[in-house]
C-alpha atoms as a PDB file:
ATOM      1  CA  MET A   1     -39.702 -25.244   1.007  1.00  0.00           C
ATOM      2  CA  ASN A   2     -37.499 -27.827  -0.679  1.00  0.00           C
ATOM      3  CA  ILE A   3     -36.700 -26.594  -4.205  1.00  0.00           C
ATOM      4  CA  ASP A   4     -35.845 -29.395  -6.647  1.00  0.00           C
ATOM      5  CA  LYS A   5     -34.616 -27.231  -9.528  1.00  0.00           C
ATOM      6  CA  GLU A   6     -33.775 -23.559 -10.006  1.00  0.00           C
ATOM      7  CA  LEU A   7     -33.707 -21.463 -13.181  1.00  0.00           C
ATOM      8  CA  ASP A   8     -31.968 -18.112 -13.480  1.00  0.00           C
ATOM      9  CA  THR A   9     -33.696 -16.168 -16.266  1.00  0.00           C
ATOM     10  CA  ARG A  10     -32.400 -12.730 -15.245  1.00  0.00           C
ATOM     11  CA  GLY A  11     -32.025 -10.435 -18.241  1.00  0.00           C
ATOM     12  CA  LEU A  12     -34.457 -12.445 -20.373  1.00  0.00           C
ATOM     13  CA  ASN A  13     -37.786 -10.983 -21.456  1.00  0.00           C
ATOM     14  CA  CYS A  14     -41.105 -12.620 -22.221  1.00  0.00           C
ATOM     15  CA  PRO A  15     -41.600 -15.281 -23.467  1.00  0.00           C
ATOM     16  CA  LEU A  16     -38.162 -16.747 -22.668  1.00  0.00           C
ATOM     17  CA  PRO A  17     -38.621 -17.226 -18.878  1.00  0.00           C
ATOM     18  CA  ILE A  18     -41.895 -19.084 -19.536  1.00  0.00           C
ATOM     19  CA  LEU A  19     -40.378 -21.221 -22.304  1.00  0.00           C
ATOM     20  CA  LYS A  20     -37.412 -22.177 -20.127  1.00  0.00           C
ATOM     21  CA  ALA A  21     -39.739 -22.994 -17.214  1.00  0.00           C
ATOM     22  CA  LYS A  22     -41.928 -25.129 -19.478  1.00  0.00           C
ATOM     23  CA  LYS A  23     -38.899 -27.115 -20.645  1.00  0.00           C
ATOM     24  CA  ALA A  24     -37.604 -27.560 -17.087  1.00  0.00           C
ATOM     25  CA  LEU A  25     -41.013 -28.705 -15.794  1.00  0.00           C
ATOM     26  CA  ALA A  26     -41.229 -31.305 -18.585  1.00  0.00           C
ATOM     27  CA  GLU A  27     -38.040 -32.894 -17.212  1.00  0.00           C
ATOM     28  CA  MET A  28     -39.304 -32.975 -13.613  1.00  0.00           C
ATOM     29  CA  GLN A  29     -41.390 -35.463 -11.646  1.00  0.00           C
ATOM     30  CA  SER A  30     -44.917 -34.730 -10.441  1.00  0.00           C
ATOM     31  CA  GLY A  31     -44.880 -32.788  -7.173  1.00  0.00           C
ATOM     32  CA  GLN A  32     -41.371 -31.380  -7.591  1.00  0.00           C
ATOM     33  CA  LEU A  33     -40.760 -27.654  -7.140  1.00  0.00           C
ATOM     34  CA  LEU A  34     -39.189 -25.311  -9.685  1.00  0.00           C
ATOM     35  CA  ARG A  35     -37.903 -21.874  -8.650  1.00  0.00           C
ATOM     36  CA  VAL A  36     -37.553 -19.292 -11.433  1.00  0.00           C
ATOM     37  CA  VAL A  37     -35.726 -15.986 -10.884  1.00  0.00           C
ATOM     38  CA  SER A  38     -36.520 -13.277 -13.420  1.00  0.00           C
ATOM     39  CA  THR A  39     -35.924  -9.551 -13.887  1.00  0.00           C
ATOM     40  CA  ASP A  40     -38.916  -9.143 -16.230  1.00  0.00           C
ATOM     41  CA  SER A  41     -41.652  -7.287 -14.326  1.00  0.00           C
ATOM     42  CA  GLY A  42     -44.267  -8.811 -16.644  1.00  0.00           C
ATOM     43  CA  SER A  43     -43.277 -12.272 -15.456  1.00  0.00           C
ATOM     44  CA  ILE A  44     -45.590 -11.972 -12.437  1.00  0.00           C
ATOM     45  CA  ARG A  45     -48.761 -12.090 -14.514  1.00  0.00           C
ATOM     46  CA  ASP A  46     -47.101 -14.309 -17.152  1.00  0.00           C
ATOM     47  CA  PHE A  47     -46.443 -17.059 -14.607  1.00  0.00           C
ATOM     48  CA  GLN A  48     -49.967 -16.704 -13.167  1.00  0.00           C
ATOM     49  CA  ALA A  49     -51.439 -17.275 -16.642  1.00  0.00           C
ATOM     50  CA  PHE A  50     -48.952 -20.074 -17.382  1.00  0.00           C
ATOM     51  CA  ALA A  51     -49.932 -21.945 -14.218  1.00  0.00           C
ATOM     52  CA  LYS A  52     -53.642 -21.691 -15.053  1.00  0.00           C
ATOM     53  CA  GLN A  53     -53.119 -22.869 -18.638  1.00  0.00           C
ATOM     54  CA  THR A  54     -50.849 -25.807 -17.792  1.00  0.00           C
ATOM     55  CA  GLY A  55     -52.389 -27.024 -14.533  1.00  0.00           C
ATOM     56  CA  ASN A  56     -49.129 -26.617 -12.608  1.00  0.00           C
ATOM     57  CA  ASP A  57     -49.479 -24.973  -9.190  1.00  0.00           C
ATOM     58  CA  LEU A  58     -48.022 -21.522  -8.660  1.00  0.00           C
ATOM     59  CA  VAL A  59     -46.927 -22.061  -5.059  1.00  0.00           C
ATOM     60  CA  GLY A  60     -45.555 -18.570  -4.542  1.00  0.00           C
ATOM     61  CA  GLN A  61     -44.317 -15.319  -6.014  1.00  0.00           C
ATOM     62  CA  GLN A  62     -42.202 -12.631  -4.421  1.00  0.00           C
ATOM     63  CA  THR A  63     -40.088  -9.637  -5.301  1.00  0.00           C
ATOM     64  CA  ALA A  64     -36.538  -9.337  -3.977  1.00  0.00           C
ATOM     65  CA  GLY A  65     -34.910  -6.126  -5.147  1.00  0.00           C
ATOM     66  CA  ALA A  66     -34.894  -6.235  -8.954  1.00  0.00           C
ATOM     67  CA  ASP A  67     -35.696  -9.970  -8.985  1.00  0.00           C
ATOM     68  CA  PHE A  68     -39.092 -11.588  -9.350  1.00  0.00           C
ATOM     69  CA  ILE A  69     -39.159 -15.089  -7.877  1.00  0.00           C
ATOM     70  CA  HIS A  70     -41.728 -17.685  -8.917  1.00  0.00           C
ATOM     71  CA  VAL A  71     -42.152 -21.170  -7.451  1.00  0.00           C
ATOM     72  CA  LEU A  72     -44.082 -23.730  -9.469  1.00  0.00           C
ATOM     73  CA  LYS A  73     -45.134 -27.230  -8.434  1.00  0.00           C
ATOM     74  CA  ARG A  74     -45.142 -29.790 -11.243  1.00  0.00           C
ATOM     75  CA  ARG A  75     -48.583 -31.291 -11.785  1.00  0.00           C
END
């Protein structure tokens, strides 16, 4: 997977990871991939809802230790 942009939102709680992702996606081209790393356990369902609401694809989610990793594809 070729990630075009990465955001480190560790230590930030809802809604900040979503807001930062929204801003980053607005600066990206259609089809590009954004990887967001978060420590907020609620970010898993937050990013699922965000993807549905915005039409961006949630390509993947995984947990790595204390990190929650989300990959979004810009619509």
